[in-house]
Amino acid sequence: MQTACEHKKTVMIARRDGVDYVECLDCRQIFEAEDLEPVAVDADEE
Protein backbone atom coordinates (compact mmCIF):
# COMPACT_ATOMS: atom_id res chain seq x y z
CA MET A 1 0.00 0.00 0.00
CA GLN A 2 1.34 3.40 -1.00
CA THR A 3 1.54 6.23 1.52
CA ALA A 4 0.41 9.74 0.62
CA CYS A 5 3.14 12.14 -0.45
CA GLU A 6 3.55 15.20 1.79
CA HIS A 7 5.04 17.29 -1.07
CA LYS A 8 7.97 18.54 1.04
CA LYS A 9 10.36 18.99 -1.91
CA THR A 10 8.86 21.20 -4.60
CA VAL A 11 10.06 23.44 -7.39
CA MET A 12 8.15 26.24 -9.08
CA ILE A 13 7.71 25.44 -12.76
CA ALA A 14 5.40 28.18 -14.06
CA ARG A 15 3.41 31.31 -13.26
CA ARG A 16 0.29 32.18 -15.21
CA ASP A 17 -2.28 34.87 -14.48
CA GLY A 18 -0.88 35.36 -10.97
CA VAL A 19 -1.01 31.66 -10.10
CA ASP A 20 2.20 29.77 -9.29
CA TYR A 21 2.45 26.14 -10.37
CA VAL A 22 4.81 23.79 -8.55
CA GLU A 23 5.98 20.22 -9.10
CA CYS A 24 6.69 17.80 -6.26
CA LEU A 25 10.15 16.31 -6.74
CA ASP A 26 9.15 13.12 -4.92
CA CYS A 27 5.89 12.12 -6.65
CA ARG A 28 6.13 14.41 -9.74
CA GLN A 29 2.60 15.77 -9.23
CA ILE A 30 1.95 19.31 -10.53
CA PHE A 31 -0.43 21.61 -8.68
CA GLU A 32 -1.06 25.22 -7.67
CA ALA A 33 1.31 26.49 -4.98
CA GLU A 34 -1.54 27.89 -2.89
CA ASP A 35 -2.83 24.32 -2.43
CA LEU A 36 0.23 23.61 -0.24
CA GLU A 37 -0.19 26.56 2.09
CA PRO A 38 -2.05 25.81 5.32
CA VAL A 39 -5.31 27.69 5.71
CA ALA A 40 -5.84 29.45 9.04
CA VAL A 41 -9.13 28.58 10.69
CA ASP A 42 -10.71 31.16 12.98
CA ALA A 43 -12.32 29.26 15.87
CA ASP A 44 -14.30 32.34 17.03
CA GLU A 45 -16.26 32.60 13.79
CA GLU A 46 -19.87 31.38 14.04
PDB file of N, CA and C in Angstrom:
ATOM      1  N   MET A   1       0.839  -1.194   0.000  1.00  0.00           N
ATOM      2  CA  MET A   1       0.000   0.000   0.000  1.00  0.00           C
ATOM      3  C   MET A   1       0.879   1.250   0.000  1.00  0.00           C
ATOM      4  N   GLN A   2       0.562   2.174  -0.859  1.00  0.00           N
ATOM      5  CA  GLN A   2       1.338   3.398  -0.998  1.00  0.00           C
ATOM      6  C   GLN A   2       0.898   4.444   0.021  1.00  0.00           C
ATOM      7  N   THR A   3       1.871   5.152   0.599  1.00  0.00           N
ATOM      8  CA  THR A   3       1.538   6.234   1.516  1.00  0.00           C
ATOM      9  C   THR A   3       1.391   7.528   0.736  1.00  0.00           C
ATOM     10  N   ALA A   4       0.631   8.451   1.279  1.00  0.00           N
ATOM     11  CA  ALA A   4       0.405   9.742   0.619  1.00  0.00           C
ATOM     12  C   ALA A   4       1.670  10.592   0.687  1.00  0.00           C
ATOM     13  N   CYS A   5       1.979  11.258  -0.394  1.00  0.00           N
ATOM     14  CA  CYS A   5       3.140  12.142  -0.449  1.00  0.00           C
ATOM     15  C   CYS A   5       2.803  13.439   0.276  1.00  0.00           C
ATOM     16  N   GLU A   6       3.758  13.942   1.047  1.00  0.00           N
ATOM     17  CA  GLU A   6       3.548  15.198   1.786  1.00  0.00           C
ATOM     18  C   GLU A   6       4.032  16.414   1.002  1.00  0.00           C
ATOM     19  N   HIS A   7       4.583  16.215  -0.171  1.00  0.00           N
ATOM     20  CA  HIS A   7       5.044  17.292  -1.068  1.00  0.00           C
ATOM     21  C   HIS A   7       5.998  18.251  -0.357  1.00  0.00           C
ATOM     22  N   LYS A   8       7.014  17.706   0.310  1.00  0.00           N
ATOM     23  CA  LYS A   8       7.973  18.545   1.042  1.00  0.00           C
ATOM     24  C   LYS A   8       9.051  19.137   0.138  1.00  0.00           C
ATOM     25  N   LYS A   9       9.348  18.482  -0.979  1.00  0.00           N
ATOM     26  CA  LYS A   9      10.360  18.986  -1.914  1.00  0.00           C
ATOM     27  C   LYS A   9       9.658  19.394  -3.199  1.00  0.00           C
ATOM     28  N   THR A  10       9.532  20.704  -3.405  1.00  0.00           N
ATOM     29  CA  THR A  10       8.859  21.196  -4.600  1.00  0.00           C
ATOM     30  C   THR A  10       9.718  22.224  -5.320  1.00  0.00           C
ATOM     31  N   VAL A  11       9.391  22.425  -6.575  1.00  0.00           N
ATOM     32  CA  VAL A  11      10.060  23.444  -7.388  1.00  0.00           C
ATOM     33  C   VAL A  11       8.990  24.151  -8.207  1.00  0.00           C
ATOM     34  N   MET A  12       9.106  25.478  -8.291  1.00  0.00           N
ATOM     35  CA  MET A  12       8.146  26.241  -9.083  1.00  0.00           C
ATOM     36  C   MET A  12       8.474  26.047 -10.561  1.00  0.00           C
ATOM     37  N   ILE A  13       7.461  25.699 -11.343  1.00  0.00           N
ATOM     38  CA  ILE A  13       7.709  25.439 -12.762  1.00  0.00           C
ATOM     39  C   ILE A  13       7.074  26.474 -13.678  1.00  0.00           C
ATOM     40  N   ALA A  14       6.051  27.189 -13.186  1.00  0.00           N
ATOM     41  CA  ALA A  14       5.396  28.178 -14.057  1.00  0.00           C
ATOM     42  C   ALA A  14       4.573  29.158 -13.227  1.00  0.00           C
ATOM     43  N   ARG A  15       4.325  30.323 -13.841  1.00  0.00           N
ATOM     44  CA  ARG A  15       3.411  31.312 -13.260  1.00  0.00           C
ATOM     45  C   ARG A  15       2.539  31.812 -14.388  1.00  0.00           C
ATOM     46  N   ARG A  16       1.218  31.736 -14.175  1.00  0.00           N
ATOM     47  CA  ARG A  16       0.291  32.183 -15.213  1.00  0.00           C
ATOM     48  C   ARG A  16      -0.886  32.882 -14.561  1.00  0.00           C
ATOM     49  N   ASP A  17      -1.163  34.083 -14.999  1.00  0.00           N
ATOM     50  CA  ASP A  17      -2.284  34.874 -14.484  1.00  0.00           C
ATOM     51  C   ASP A  17      -2.240  34.999 -12.964  1.00  0.00           C
ATOM     52  N   GLY A  18      -1.035  35.175 -12.408  1.00  0.00           N
ATOM     53  CA  GLY A  18      -0.884  35.363 -10.967  1.00  0.00           C
ATOM     54  C   GLY A  18      -0.938  34.083 -10.145  1.00  0.00           C
ATOM     55  N   VAL A  19      -0.964  32.937 -10.801  1.00  0.00           N
ATOM     56  CA  VAL A  19      -1.010  31.657 -10.099  1.00  0.00           C
ATOM     57  C   VAL A  19       0.319  30.939 -10.313  1.00  0.00           C
ATOM     58  N   ASP A  20       0.949  30.511  -9.211  1.00  0.00           N
ATOM     59  CA  ASP A  20       2.199  29.767  -9.291  1.00  0.00           C
ATOM     60  C   ASP A  20       1.900  28.281  -9.350  1.00  0.00           C
ATOM     61  N   TYR A  21       2.586  27.581 -10.249  1.00  0.00           N
ATOM     62  CA  TYR A  21       2.447  26.136 -10.366  1.00  0.00           C
ATOM     63  C   TYR A  21       3.747  25.483  -9.913  1.00  0.00           C
ATOM     64  N   VAL A  22       3.643  24.473  -9.070  1.00  0.00           N
ATOM     65  CA  VAL A  22       4.812  23.786  -8.549  1.00  0.00           C
ATOM     66  C   VAL A  22       4.725  22.298  -8.865  1.00  0.00           C
ATOM     67  N   GLU A  23       5.898  21.659  -8.882  1.00  0.00           N
ATOM     68  CA  GLU A  23       5.977  20.222  -9.095  1.00  0.00           C
ATOM     69  C   GLU A  23       6.655  19.600  -7.889  1.00  0.00           C
ATOM     70  N   CYS A  24       6.089  18.535  -7.364  1.00  0.00           N
ATOM     71  CA  CYS A  24       6.689  17.798  -6.264  1.00  0.00           C
ATOM     72  C   CYS A  24       7.827  16.952  -6.837  1.00  0.00           C
ATOM     73  N   LEU A  25       9.008  17.064  -6.243  1.00  0.00           N
ATOM     74  CA  LEU A  25      10.155  16.315  -6.740  1.00  0.00           C
ATOM     75  C   LEU A  25      10.108  14.849  -6.319  1.00  0.00           C
ATOM     76  N   ASP A  26       9.264  14.511  -5.368  1.00  0.00           N
ATOM     77  CA  ASP A  26       9.149  13.123  -4.917  1.00  0.00           C
ATOM     78  C   ASP A  26       8.153  12.333  -5.763  1.00  0.00           C
ATOM     79  N   CYS A  27       6.934  12.869  -5.936  1.00  0.00           N
ATOM     80  CA  CYS A  27       5.890  12.118  -6.645  1.00  0.00           C
ATOM     81  C   CYS A  27       5.614  12.652  -8.048  1.00  0.00           C
ATOM     82  N   ARG A  28       6.247  13.799  -8.413  1.00  0.00           N
ATOM     83  CA  ARG A  28       6.135  14.413  -9.736  1.00  0.00           C
ATOM     84  C   ARG A  28       4.756  15.001 -10.038  1.00  0.00           C
ATOM     85  N   GLN A  29       3.915  15.169  -9.034  1.00  0.00           N
ATOM     86  CA  GLN A  29       2.598  15.775  -9.228  1.00  0.00           C
ATOM     87  C   GLN A  29       2.749  17.277  -9.421  1.00  0.00           C
ATOM     88  N   ILE A  30       1.939  17.870 -10.287  1.00  0.00           N
ATOM     89  CA  ILE A  30       1.949  19.308 -10.535  1.00  0.00           C
ATOM     90  C   ILE A  30       0.644  19.892 -10.011  1.00  0.00           C
ATOM     91  N   PHE A  31       0.754  20.987  -9.255  1.00  0.00           N
ATOM     92  CA  PHE A  31      -0.426  21.606  -8.679  1.00  0.00           C
ATOM     93  C   PHE A  31      -0.166  23.067  -8.391  1.00  0.00           C
ATOM     94  N   GLU A  32      -1.199  23.807  -8.006  1.00  0.00           N
ATOM     95  CA  GLU A  32      -1.060  25.218  -7.672  1.00  0.00           C
ATOM     96  C   GLU A  32      -0.366  25.349  -6.313  1.00  0.00           C
ATOM     97  N   ALA A  33       0.543  26.308  -6.199  1.00  0.00           N
ATOM     98  CA  ALA A  33       1.312  26.489  -4.979  1.00  0.00           C
ATOM     99  C   ALA A  33       0.418  26.798  -3.784  1.00  0.00           C
ATOM    100  N   GLU A  34      -0.663  27.527  -4.008  1.00  0.00           N
ATOM    101  CA  GLU A  34      -1.537  27.891  -2.888  1.00  0.00           C
ATOM    102  C   GLU A  34      -2.207  26.673  -2.266  1.00  0.00           C
ATOM    103  N   ASP A  35      -2.265  25.543  -2.991  1.00  0.00           N
ATOM    104  CA  ASP A  35      -2.833  24.321  -2.432  1.00  0.00           C
ATOM    105  C   ASP A  35      -1.963  23.741  -1.319  1.00  0.00           C
ATOM    106  N   LEU A  36      -0.688  24.109  -1.276  1.00  0.00           N
ATOM    107  CA  LEU A  36       0.231  23.612  -0.242  1.00  0.00           C
ATOM    108  C   LEU A  36       0.171  24.428   1.040  1.00  0.00           C
ATOM    109  N   GLU A  37      -0.211  25.678   0.938  1.00  0.00           N
ATOM    110  CA  GLU A  37      -0.186  26.563   2.094  1.00  0.00           C
ATOM    111  C   GLU A  37      -1.328  26.223   3.056  1.00  0.00           C
ATOM    112  N   PRO A  38      -0.996  26.088   4.358  1.00  0.00           N
ATOM    113  CA  PRO A  38      -2.053  25.813   5.319  1.00  0.00           C
ATOM    114  C   PRO A  38      -3.019  26.982   5.435  1.00  0.00           C
ATOM    115  N   VAL A  39      -4.276  26.669   5.597  1.00  0.00           N
ATOM    116  CA  VAL A  39      -5.309  27.686   5.714  1.00  0.00           C
ATOM    117  C   VAL A  39      -5.616  27.895   7.200  1.00  0.00           C
ATOM    118  N   ALA A  40      -5.543  29.137   7.657  1.00  0.00           N
ATOM    119  CA  ALA A  40      -5.839  29.448   9.042  1.00  0.00           C
ATOM    120  C   ALA A  40      -7.335  29.365   9.282  1.00  0.00           C
ATOM    121  N   VAL A  41      -7.711  28.717  10.347  1.00  0.00           N
ATOM    122  CA  VAL A  41      -9.129  28.581  10.689  1.00  0.00           C
ATOM    123  C   VAL A  41      -9.392  29.407  11.943  1.00  0.00           C
ATOM    124  N   ASP A  42     -10.360  30.298  11.845  1.00  0.00           N
ATOM    125  CA  ASP A  42     -10.706  31.160  12.982  1.00  0.00           C
ATOM    126  C   ASP A  42     -11.773  30.455  13.816  1.00  0.00           C
ATOM    127  N   ALA A  43     -11.413  30.027  15.021  1.00  0.00           N
ATOM    128  CA  ALA A  43     -12.322  29.265  15.871  1.00  0.00           C
ATOM    129  C   ALA A  43     -13.454  30.120  16.431  1.00  0.00           C
ATOM    130  N   ASP A  44     -13.292  31.452  16.457  1.00  0.00           N
ATOM    131  CA  ASP A  44     -14.300  32.337  17.031  1.00  0.00           C
ATOM    132  C   ASP A  44     -15.442  32.646  16.051  1.00  0.00           C
ATOM    133  N   GLU A  45     -15.264  32.281  14.813  1.00  0.00           N
ATOM    134  CA  GLU A  45     -16.258  32.600  13.787  1.00  0.00           C
ATOM    135  C   GLU A  45     -17.453  31.655  13.885  1.00  0.00           C
ATOM    136  N   GLU A  46     -18.668  32.213  13.958  1.00  0.00           N
ATOM    137  CA  GLU A  46     -19.868  31.376  14.036  1.00  0.00           C
ATOM    138  C   GLU A  46     -20.989  31.960  13.229  1.00  0.00           C
TER     139      GLU A  46
END
